Each structure stands twice: as C-alpha cells, then as structure tokens.
Amino acid sequence: MRAAAASAAEEMFAAAAADGVSMTVLSGFRSYDTQVSTYQHWVNVNGQAGADRVSARPGYSEHQTGLALDIGDASGSCNLAECFADTPAGSWAAENAHRFGFIIRYQPGQEAVTGYSPEPWHLRFIGTKDAADMAGSGVKALETFYGLPAAPDYR
C-alpha cells in the first residue's frame, strides 16, 4: 500500500485492538497480474456479467492504486461476505474507519452509482478530512461525495 494508507491502516488496526476488536488484512495492494487472476476467478464462477458486479477488471481495481484494502474479522466469520457488516470488525470499521481516512467503498443501495455489489470489507483511503466530511454528510458513494457521475461502464 502507499505509505499514507499503510500508516493509517496500522493506526486503525491498533485502535480496533485497543477497543477489543480483532481485524485482519485479507488483501492490500494487488499487481495487474494478480488482478487478472482474481477477475478471471470470478468470471469462471459467475460469468462475465456476474464478475463485473463483484470484481474489478484488471487496470480498474482500487487495489492496484495502493489505496484500498480488504479487511476481515479475526474469527474468519463472514469474511468477504455481506454478513461481514454484522461482525465486530465490520461494525467497528463502519463506525470508525473514517477517523483514519478510510471509507467503506461499496455500500448497500449504491450499486447503480458504484457499479459494484456491497462490500462492507473493502476500505478505500481518501484521507482523514474527506473521510470525516463524507461520514458527516451521510453520503454513501464516493462518486456522489465528489460530484462525479456514476461509475464508468467499461463492460
């Protein structure tokens, strides 16, 4: 990950641990080649249309920017599933990630804007000021917060 995002993630994990919540990193930076494999896996499982709802095509993944990470609950409960939002780690991240400059990038009800199914485990670093402002505004999609059109349709 980029230095600022990695440092913020370390602080966030330490704060969660201090609150008695154990989180794990499931995925951080991904190279182009890794994203090729990841995306192809989802194409094989769900077909291309289904894959496009749950995985970025190579060259479009936020993981390739060094600003995103996928987190999990240390128990392994609901990792990489929507029910992660209801785990201690998922709840803690939803309430606190903005304090460290992260947002939960793909939220329920925002699929038409983001292009992706909800991923309560996928955090995107945007900096503490913007993350706090976004959390305070109640806006759920980064595109909306920055006044951008819905996610581009590269499919």
N, C-alpha and C. Protein backbone atom coordinates (compact mmCIF):
# COMPACT_ATOMS: atom_id res chain seq x y z
N MET A 1 0.84 -1.18 0.00
CA MET A 1 0.00 0.00 0.00
C MET A 1 0.88 1.24 0.00
N ARG A 2 0.29 2.34 -0.41
CA ARG A 2 1.01 3.61 -0.33
C ARG A 2 1.29 3.93 1.13
N ALA A 3 2.35 4.67 1.38
CA ALA A 3 2.80 4.92 2.75
C ALA A 3 1.71 5.53 3.62
N ALA A 4 1.01 6.55 3.14
CA ALA A 4 -0.02 7.21 3.95
C ALA A 4 -1.15 6.24 4.29
N ALA A 5 -1.57 5.45 3.33
CA ALA A 5 -2.65 4.50 3.57
C ALA A 5 -2.19 3.39 4.51
N ALA A 6 -0.99 2.90 4.33
CA ALA A 6 -0.47 1.85 5.19
C ALA A 6 -0.34 2.33 6.63
N SER A 7 0.17 3.53 6.82
CA SER A 7 0.31 4.10 8.16
C SER A 7 -1.06 4.26 8.82
N ALA A 8 -2.02 4.77 8.06
CA ALA A 8 -3.38 4.94 8.59
C ALA A 8 -3.99 3.58 8.94
N ALA A 9 -3.74 2.57 8.12
CA ALA A 9 -4.28 1.24 8.40
C ALA A 9 -3.67 0.68 9.69
N GLU A 10 -2.38 0.87 9.88
CA GLU A 10 -1.75 0.41 11.12
C GLU A 10 -2.38 1.08 12.33
N GLU A 11 -2.60 2.38 12.25
CA GLU A 11 -3.24 3.12 13.35
C GLU A 11 -4.66 2.61 13.59
N MET A 12 -5.38 2.35 12.51
CA MET A 12 -6.75 1.88 12.62
C MET A 12 -6.80 0.50 13.28
N PHE A 13 -5.93 -0.40 12.87
CA PHE A 13 -5.90 -1.73 13.45
C PHE A 13 -5.53 -1.68 14.93
N ALA A 14 -4.60 -0.79 15.29
CA ALA A 14 -4.22 -0.64 16.70
C ALA A 14 -5.39 -0.10 17.52
N ALA A 15 -6.12 0.86 16.98
CA ALA A 15 -7.28 1.41 17.69
C ALA A 15 -8.37 0.36 17.85
N ALA A 16 -8.60 -0.43 16.82
CA ALA A 16 -9.59 -1.51 16.92
C ALA A 16 -9.17 -2.50 18.00
N ALA A 17 -7.91 -2.88 18.01
CA ALA A 17 -7.41 -3.82 19.02
C ALA A 17 -7.57 -3.24 20.42
N ALA A 18 -7.30 -1.94 20.58
CA ALA A 18 -7.46 -1.29 21.88
C ALA A 18 -8.91 -1.32 22.34
N ASP A 19 -9.84 -1.37 21.37
CA ASP A 19 -11.26 -1.47 21.69
C ASP A 19 -11.72 -2.93 21.81
N GLY A 20 -10.77 -3.87 21.72
CA GLY A 20 -11.09 -5.29 21.85
C GLY A 20 -11.60 -5.95 20.59
N VAL A 21 -11.36 -5.30 19.45
CA VAL A 21 -11.82 -5.84 18.17
C VAL A 21 -10.61 -6.27 17.35
N SER A 22 -10.63 -7.53 16.93
CA SER A 22 -9.52 -8.06 16.13
C SER A 22 -9.91 -8.06 14.66
N MET A 23 -9.11 -7.34 13.87
CA MET A 23 -9.32 -7.30 12.42
C MET A 23 -8.09 -7.89 11.75
N THR A 24 -8.28 -8.40 10.56
CA THR A 24 -7.18 -8.92 9.76
C THR A 24 -7.19 -8.25 8.39
N VAL A 25 -6.04 -8.23 7.76
CA VAL A 25 -5.95 -7.77 6.37
C VAL A 25 -6.10 -8.99 5.49
N LEU A 26 -7.07 -8.96 4.61
CA LEU A 26 -7.29 -10.06 3.68
C LEU A 26 -6.61 -9.80 2.34
N SER A 27 -6.55 -8.53 1.96
CA SER A 27 -5.95 -8.17 0.68
C SER A 27 -5.59 -6.70 0.71
N GLY A 28 -4.40 -6.37 0.23
CA GLY A 28 -3.98 -4.99 0.13
C GLY A 28 -3.69 -4.66 -1.32
N PHE A 29 -2.47 -4.23 -1.58
CA PHE A 29 -2.08 -3.91 -2.95
C PHE A 29 -2.13 -5.17 -3.81
N ARG A 30 -2.62 -5.02 -5.02
CA ARG A 30 -2.62 -6.11 -5.99
C ARG A 30 -1.94 -5.63 -7.26
N SER A 31 -1.06 -6.43 -7.77
CA SER A 31 -0.45 -6.12 -9.06
C SER A 31 -1.47 -6.36 -10.17
N TYR A 32 -1.15 -5.88 -11.34
CA TYR A 32 -2.01 -6.11 -12.50
C TYR A 32 -2.20 -7.61 -12.71
N ASP A 33 -1.10 -8.37 -12.65
CA ASP A 33 -1.19 -9.82 -12.87
C ASP A 33 -2.07 -10.51 -11.83
N THR A 34 -1.98 -10.07 -10.59
CA THR A 34 -2.83 -10.65 -9.56
C THR A 34 -4.29 -10.31 -9.84
N GLN A 35 -4.55 -9.09 -10.30
CA GLN A 35 -5.93 -8.71 -10.60
C GLN A 35 -6.46 -9.50 -11.80
N VAL A 36 -5.60 -9.82 -12.76
CA VAL A 36 -6.00 -10.69 -13.87
C VAL A 36 -6.52 -12.01 -13.32
N SER A 37 -5.76 -12.61 -12.41
CA SER A 37 -6.15 -13.90 -11.82
C SER A 37 -7.42 -13.77 -10.99
N THR A 38 -7.51 -12.71 -10.19
CA THR A 38 -8.68 -12.51 -9.34
C THR A 38 -9.94 -12.35 -10.18
N TYR A 39 -9.87 -11.49 -11.19
CA TYR A 39 -11.03 -11.26 -12.04
C TYR A 39 -11.40 -12.54 -12.80
N GLN A 40 -10.43 -13.23 -13.31
CA GLN A 40 -10.72 -14.46 -14.06
C GLN A 40 -11.39 -15.51 -13.19
N HIS A 41 -10.98 -15.58 -11.93
CA HIS A 41 -11.65 -16.50 -11.00
C HIS A 41 -13.14 -16.20 -10.95
N TRP A 42 -13.50 -14.92 -10.80
CA TRP A 42 -14.91 -14.55 -10.69
C TRP A 42 -15.65 -14.74 -12.01
N VAL A 43 -14.98 -14.56 -13.13
CA VAL A 43 -15.59 -14.87 -14.43
C VAL A 43 -15.91 -16.36 -14.50
N ASN A 44 -14.96 -17.19 -14.06
CA ASN A 44 -15.18 -18.64 -14.07
C ASN A 44 -16.34 -19.05 -13.17
N VAL A 45 -16.49 -18.36 -12.04
CA VAL A 45 -17.54 -18.70 -11.07
C VAL A 45 -18.90 -18.14 -11.49
N ASN A 46 -18.92 -16.86 -11.93
CA ASN A 46 -20.19 -16.15 -12.14
C ASN A 46 -20.47 -15.72 -13.57
N GLY A 47 -19.57 -15.97 -14.50
CA GLY A 47 -19.70 -15.41 -15.83
C GLY A 47 -19.26 -13.95 -15.80
N GLN A 48 -19.06 -13.37 -16.97
CA GLN A 48 -18.52 -12.00 -17.00
C GLN A 48 -19.46 -10.97 -16.37
N ALA A 49 -20.75 -11.03 -16.65
CA ALA A 49 -21.67 -10.05 -16.07
C ALA A 49 -21.67 -10.13 -14.54
N GLY A 50 -21.67 -11.34 -14.02
CA GLY A 50 -21.62 -11.52 -12.56
C GLY A 50 -20.29 -11.08 -11.99
N ALA A 51 -19.22 -11.38 -12.68
CA ALA A 51 -17.89 -10.97 -12.21
C ALA A 51 -17.78 -9.46 -12.15
N ASP A 52 -18.37 -8.78 -13.10
CA ASP A 52 -18.28 -7.32 -13.13
C ASP A 52 -19.00 -6.65 -11.95
N ARG A 53 -19.88 -7.37 -11.29
CA ARG A 53 -20.56 -6.81 -10.11
C ARG A 53 -19.76 -7.01 -8.83
N VAL A 54 -18.79 -7.94 -8.86
CA VAL A 54 -18.06 -8.27 -7.62
C VAL A 54 -16.55 -8.11 -7.73
N SER A 55 -16.04 -7.87 -8.92
CA SER A 55 -14.59 -7.76 -9.09
C SER A 55 -14.27 -6.77 -10.21
N ALA A 56 -13.23 -6.00 -9.97
CA ALA A 56 -12.82 -5.04 -10.99
C ALA A 56 -12.00 -5.74 -12.07
N ARG A 57 -12.20 -5.28 -13.27
CA ARG A 57 -11.36 -5.77 -14.36
C ARG A 57 -9.94 -5.28 -14.13
N PRO A 58 -8.96 -6.03 -14.61
CA PRO A 58 -7.56 -5.58 -14.47
C PRO A 58 -7.39 -4.18 -15.04
N GLY A 59 -6.69 -3.34 -14.29
CA GLY A 59 -6.49 -1.96 -14.68
C GLY A 59 -7.50 -1.01 -14.06
N TYR A 60 -8.57 -1.55 -13.43
CA TYR A 60 -9.61 -0.73 -12.83
C TYR A 60 -9.75 -0.94 -11.33
N SER A 61 -8.97 -1.85 -10.76
CA SER A 61 -9.12 -2.17 -9.34
C SER A 61 -8.52 -1.10 -8.45
N GLU A 62 -9.26 -0.71 -7.42
CA GLU A 62 -8.72 0.21 -6.43
C GLU A 62 -7.53 -0.39 -5.70
N HIS A 63 -7.47 -1.70 -5.63
CA HIS A 63 -6.32 -2.35 -5.00
C HIS A 63 -5.03 -2.03 -5.75
N GLN A 64 -5.12 -1.84 -7.04
CA GLN A 64 -3.94 -1.52 -7.84
C GLN A 64 -3.42 -0.11 -7.57
N THR A 65 -4.22 0.74 -6.93
CA THR A 65 -3.78 2.11 -6.61
C THR A 65 -2.94 2.17 -5.35
N GLY A 66 -3.00 1.12 -4.53
CA GLY A 66 -2.33 1.15 -3.24
C GLY A 66 -3.12 1.90 -2.19
N LEU A 67 -4.39 2.20 -2.46
CA LEU A 67 -5.22 2.97 -1.53
C LEU A 67 -6.38 2.15 -0.96
N ALA A 68 -6.43 0.87 -1.24
CA ALA A 68 -7.55 0.04 -0.79
C ALA A 68 -7.05 -1.22 -0.10
N LEU A 69 -7.86 -1.69 0.82
CA LEU A 69 -7.58 -2.98 1.45
C LEU A 69 -8.89 -3.63 1.82
N ASP A 70 -8.86 -4.95 1.84
CA ASP A 70 -10.00 -5.74 2.29
C ASP A 70 -9.66 -6.23 3.69
N ILE A 71 -10.60 -6.03 4.62
CA ILE A 71 -10.38 -6.45 5.99
C ILE A 71 -11.28 -7.62 6.32
N GLY A 72 -10.90 -8.32 7.36
CA GLY A 72 -11.71 -9.43 7.83
C GLY A 72 -11.80 -9.44 9.33
N ASP A 73 -12.70 -10.25 9.83
CA ASP A 73 -12.83 -10.47 11.26
C ASP A 73 -11.86 -11.59 11.62
N ALA A 74 -11.13 -11.43 12.71
CA ALA A 74 -10.11 -12.41 13.08
C ALA A 74 -10.70 -13.81 13.25
N SER A 75 -11.98 -13.91 13.56
CA SER A 75 -12.61 -15.22 13.71
C SER A 75 -12.81 -15.90 12.35
N GLY A 76 -12.72 -15.12 11.28
CA GLY A 76 -12.99 -15.65 9.94
C GLY A 76 -14.47 -15.64 9.60
N SER A 77 -15.28 -15.20 10.54
CA SER A 77 -16.72 -15.17 10.35
C SER A 77 -17.11 -14.17 9.27
N CYS A 78 -17.78 -14.66 8.26
CA CYS A 78 -18.35 -13.83 7.20
C CYS A 78 -17.31 -13.06 6.38
N ASN A 79 -16.07 -13.47 6.42
CA ASN A 79 -15.07 -12.76 5.62
C ASN A 79 -15.43 -12.81 4.14
N LEU A 80 -15.32 -11.65 3.50
CA LEU A 80 -15.62 -11.46 2.08
C LEU A 80 -17.08 -11.81 1.74
N ALA A 81 -17.96 -11.59 2.71
CA ALA A 81 -19.40 -11.79 2.51
C ALA A 81 -20.13 -10.59 3.11
N GLU A 82 -21.34 -10.33 2.61
CA GLU A 82 -22.08 -9.16 3.10
C GLU A 82 -22.34 -9.21 4.60
N CYS A 83 -22.45 -10.41 5.17
CA CYS A 83 -22.68 -10.52 6.61
C CYS A 83 -21.49 -10.04 7.42
N PHE A 84 -20.35 -9.75 6.78
CA PHE A 84 -19.20 -9.18 7.48
C PHE A 84 -19.61 -7.89 8.20
N ALA A 85 -20.55 -7.15 7.64
CA ALA A 85 -21.00 -5.89 8.24
C ALA A 85 -21.51 -6.10 9.66
N ASP A 86 -22.00 -7.30 9.97
CA ASP A 86 -22.57 -7.60 11.28
C ASP A 86 -21.56 -8.20 12.26
N THR A 87 -20.32 -8.38 11.85
CA THR A 87 -19.29 -8.91 12.75
C THR A 87 -18.72 -7.77 13.59
N PRO A 88 -18.02 -8.08 14.67
CA PRO A 88 -17.39 -7.00 15.44
C PRO A 88 -16.46 -6.12 14.59
N ALA A 89 -15.66 -6.74 13.74
CA ALA A 89 -14.75 -5.96 12.90
C ALA A 89 -15.51 -5.10 11.90
N GLY A 90 -16.55 -5.66 11.30
CA GLY A 90 -17.35 -4.91 10.34
C GLY A 90 -18.08 -3.74 10.98
N SER A 91 -18.65 -3.97 12.12
CA SER A 91 -19.34 -2.89 12.84
C SER A 91 -18.37 -1.81 13.27
N TRP A 92 -17.21 -2.22 13.78
CA TRP A 92 -16.21 -1.25 14.24
C TRP A 92 -15.73 -0.40 13.05
N ALA A 93 -15.45 -1.05 11.93
CA ALA A 93 -14.98 -0.31 10.75
C ALA A 93 -16.04 0.68 10.28
N ALA A 94 -17.30 0.26 10.25
CA ALA A 94 -18.37 1.15 9.80
C ALA A 94 -18.47 2.40 10.69
N GLU A 95 -18.22 2.23 11.96
CA GLU A 95 -18.33 3.35 12.90
C GLU A 95 -17.06 4.20 12.99
N ASN A 96 -15.90 3.61 12.68
CA ASN A 96 -14.64 4.28 12.99
C ASN A 96 -13.65 4.48 11.86
N ALA A 97 -13.81 3.79 10.75
CA ALA A 97 -12.80 3.85 9.68
C ALA A 97 -12.52 5.28 9.21
N HIS A 98 -13.56 6.11 9.20
CA HIS A 98 -13.38 7.49 8.72
C HIS A 98 -12.38 8.27 9.58
N ARG A 99 -12.25 7.92 10.84
CA ARG A 99 -11.30 8.61 11.73
C ARG A 99 -9.86 8.42 11.26
N PHE A 100 -9.63 7.39 10.45
CA PHE A 100 -8.29 7.07 9.98
C PHE A 100 -8.14 7.33 8.48
N GLY A 101 -9.16 7.95 7.88
CA GLY A 101 -9.09 8.33 6.48
C GLY A 101 -9.67 7.32 5.51
N PHE A 102 -10.36 6.31 6.03
CA PHE A 102 -10.93 5.26 5.18
C PHE A 102 -12.45 5.39 5.10
N ILE A 103 -12.98 4.94 3.99
CA ILE A 103 -14.43 4.80 3.84
C ILE A 103 -14.73 3.36 3.45
N ILE A 104 -15.94 2.93 3.76
CA ILE A 104 -16.40 1.65 3.22
C ILE A 104 -16.89 1.98 1.83
N ARG A 105 -16.18 1.51 0.86
CA ARG A 105 -16.33 1.99 -0.52
C ARG A 105 -17.63 1.57 -1.19
N TYR A 106 -18.05 0.34 -1.02
CA TYR A 106 -19.21 -0.17 -1.76
C TYR A 106 -20.31 -0.53 -0.76
N GLN A 107 -21.26 0.39 -0.61
CA GLN A 107 -22.30 0.25 0.40
C GLN A 107 -23.63 -0.19 -0.22
N PRO A 108 -24.49 -0.81 0.61
CA PRO A 108 -25.80 -1.24 0.10
C PRO A 108 -26.60 -0.05 -0.44
N GLY A 109 -27.30 -0.31 -1.53
CA GLY A 109 -28.14 0.72 -2.14
C GLY A 109 -27.40 1.64 -3.09
N GLN A 110 -26.10 1.44 -3.25
CA GLN A 110 -25.29 2.32 -4.10
C GLN A 110 -24.79 1.64 -5.38
N GLU A 111 -25.32 0.46 -5.67
CA GLU A 111 -24.84 -0.32 -6.80
C GLU A 111 -24.92 0.43 -8.13
N ALA A 112 -25.98 1.19 -8.33
CA ALA A 112 -26.14 1.93 -9.59
C ALA A 112 -25.12 3.05 -9.72
N VAL A 113 -24.60 3.52 -8.60
CA VAL A 113 -23.61 4.60 -8.61
C VAL A 113 -22.20 4.03 -8.69
N THR A 114 -21.90 3.01 -7.87
CA THR A 114 -20.54 2.47 -7.80
C THR A 114 -20.26 1.39 -8.85
N GLY A 115 -21.32 0.71 -9.28
CA GLY A 115 -21.16 -0.38 -10.23
C GLY A 115 -20.89 -1.72 -9.56
N TYR A 116 -20.83 -1.75 -8.23
CA TYR A 116 -20.48 -2.98 -7.52
C TYR A 116 -21.50 -3.33 -6.45
N SER A 117 -21.59 -4.62 -6.18
CA SER A 117 -22.38 -5.11 -5.07
C SER A 117 -21.75 -4.63 -3.77
N PRO A 118 -22.53 -4.56 -2.69
CA PRO A 118 -21.98 -4.11 -1.41
C PRO A 118 -20.80 -4.97 -0.95
N GLU A 119 -19.78 -4.30 -0.45
CA GLU A 119 -18.59 -4.97 0.10
C GLU A 119 -18.21 -4.27 1.40
N PRO A 120 -18.81 -4.66 2.52
CA PRO A 120 -18.52 -3.98 3.79
C PRO A 120 -17.08 -4.18 4.27
N TRP A 121 -16.34 -5.03 3.61
CA TRP A 121 -14.94 -5.32 3.96
C TRP A 121 -13.95 -4.48 3.16
N HIS A 122 -14.40 -3.81 2.11
CA HIS A 122 -13.50 -3.09 1.20
C HIS A 122 -13.37 -1.63 1.64
N LEU A 123 -12.19 -1.28 2.12
CA LEU A 123 -11.95 0.08 2.60
C LEU A 123 -11.08 0.82 1.59
N ARG A 124 -11.41 2.07 1.39
CA ARG A 124 -10.65 2.93 0.47
C ARG A 124 -10.13 4.12 1.25
N PHE A 125 -8.85 4.40 1.14
CA PHE A 125 -8.24 5.54 1.82
C PHE A 125 -8.46 6.80 0.98
N ILE A 126 -9.07 7.83 1.61
CA ILE A 126 -9.26 9.12 0.93
C ILE A 126 -8.73 10.27 1.78
N GLY A 127 -8.13 9.96 2.91
CA GLY A 127 -7.60 10.98 3.80
C GLY A 127 -8.59 11.32 4.90
N THR A 128 -8.07 11.76 6.03
CA THR A 128 -8.93 11.98 7.20
C THR A 128 -9.96 13.08 7.00
N LYS A 129 -9.59 14.17 6.35
CA LYS A 129 -10.54 15.27 6.17
C LYS A 129 -11.71 14.84 5.30
N ASP A 130 -11.42 14.29 4.12
CA ASP A 130 -12.50 13.89 3.23
C ASP A 130 -13.32 12.74 3.82
N ALA A 131 -12.68 11.80 4.48
CA ALA A 131 -13.42 10.68 5.08
C ALA A 131 -14.36 11.18 6.18
N ALA A 132 -13.88 12.12 7.01
CA ALA A 132 -14.73 12.68 8.06
C ALA A 132 -15.87 13.49 7.45
N ASP A 133 -15.57 14.28 6.44
CA ASP A 133 -16.60 15.07 5.78
C ASP A 133 -17.66 14.17 5.13
N MET A 134 -17.21 13.11 4.49
CA MET A 134 -18.14 12.19 3.85
C MET A 134 -19.01 11.50 4.90
N ALA A 135 -18.40 11.05 5.99
CA ALA A 135 -19.17 10.40 7.06
C ALA A 135 -20.19 11.38 7.65
N GLY A 136 -19.78 12.62 7.85
CA GLY A 136 -20.67 13.62 8.41
C GLY A 136 -21.81 14.00 7.49
N SER A 137 -21.58 13.88 6.20
CA SER A 137 -22.61 14.27 5.22
C SER A 137 -23.69 13.21 5.04
N GLY A 138 -23.37 11.97 5.42
CA GLY A 138 -24.31 10.87 5.21
C GLY A 138 -24.29 10.31 3.81
N VAL A 139 -23.44 10.86 2.94
CA VAL A 139 -23.31 10.36 1.57
C VAL A 139 -22.63 8.99 1.62
N LYS A 140 -23.12 8.05 0.85
CA LYS A 140 -22.61 6.68 0.90
C LYS A 140 -21.70 6.29 -0.26
N ALA A 141 -21.71 7.05 -1.35
CA ALA A 141 -20.89 6.70 -2.52
C ALA A 141 -19.85 7.78 -2.77
N LEU A 142 -18.63 7.37 -3.01
CA LEU A 142 -17.54 8.31 -3.26
C LEU A 142 -17.83 9.17 -4.48
N GLU A 143 -18.43 8.59 -5.50
CA GLU A 143 -18.77 9.35 -6.70
C GLU A 143 -19.70 10.51 -6.36
N THR A 144 -20.71 10.24 -5.55
CA THR A 144 -21.66 11.27 -5.14
C THR A 144 -20.97 12.34 -4.31
N PHE A 145 -20.13 11.92 -3.37
CA PHE A 145 -19.44 12.86 -2.50
C PHE A 145 -18.59 13.83 -3.30
N TYR A 146 -17.89 13.33 -4.31
CA TYR A 146 -17.03 14.18 -5.12
C TYR A 146 -17.76 14.82 -6.31
N GLY A 147 -19.07 14.58 -6.43
CA GLY A 147 -19.83 15.18 -7.51
C GLY A 147 -19.52 14.60 -8.87
N LEU A 148 -19.16 13.34 -8.90
CA LEU A 148 -18.82 12.66 -10.15
C LEU A 148 -20.00 11.86 -10.67
N PRO A 149 -20.02 11.57 -11.95
CA PRO A 149 -21.09 10.70 -12.47
C PRO A 149 -20.92 9.29 -11.92
N ALA A 150 -21.94 8.50 -12.12
CA ALA A 150 -21.88 7.09 -11.71
C ALA A 150 -20.65 6.44 -12.35
N ALA A 151 -20.23 5.36 -11.74
CA ALA A 151 -19.04 4.65 -12.20
C ALA A 151 -19.10 4.41 -13.72
N PRO A 152 -17.98 4.54 -14.37
CA PRO A 152 -17.98 4.32 -15.83
C PRO A 152 -18.34 2.87 -16.16
N ASP A 153 -18.99 2.70 -17.28
CA ASP A 153 -19.37 1.36 -17.71
C ASP A 153 -18.34 0.88 -18.73
N TYR A 154 -17.34 0.14 -18.24
CA TYR A 154 -16.32 -0.40 -19.13
C TYR A 154 -16.66 -1.80 -19.58
N ARG A 155 -17.82 -2.28 -19.22
CA ARG A 155 -18.20 -3.67 -19.51
C ARG A 155 -18.58 -3.84 -20.93
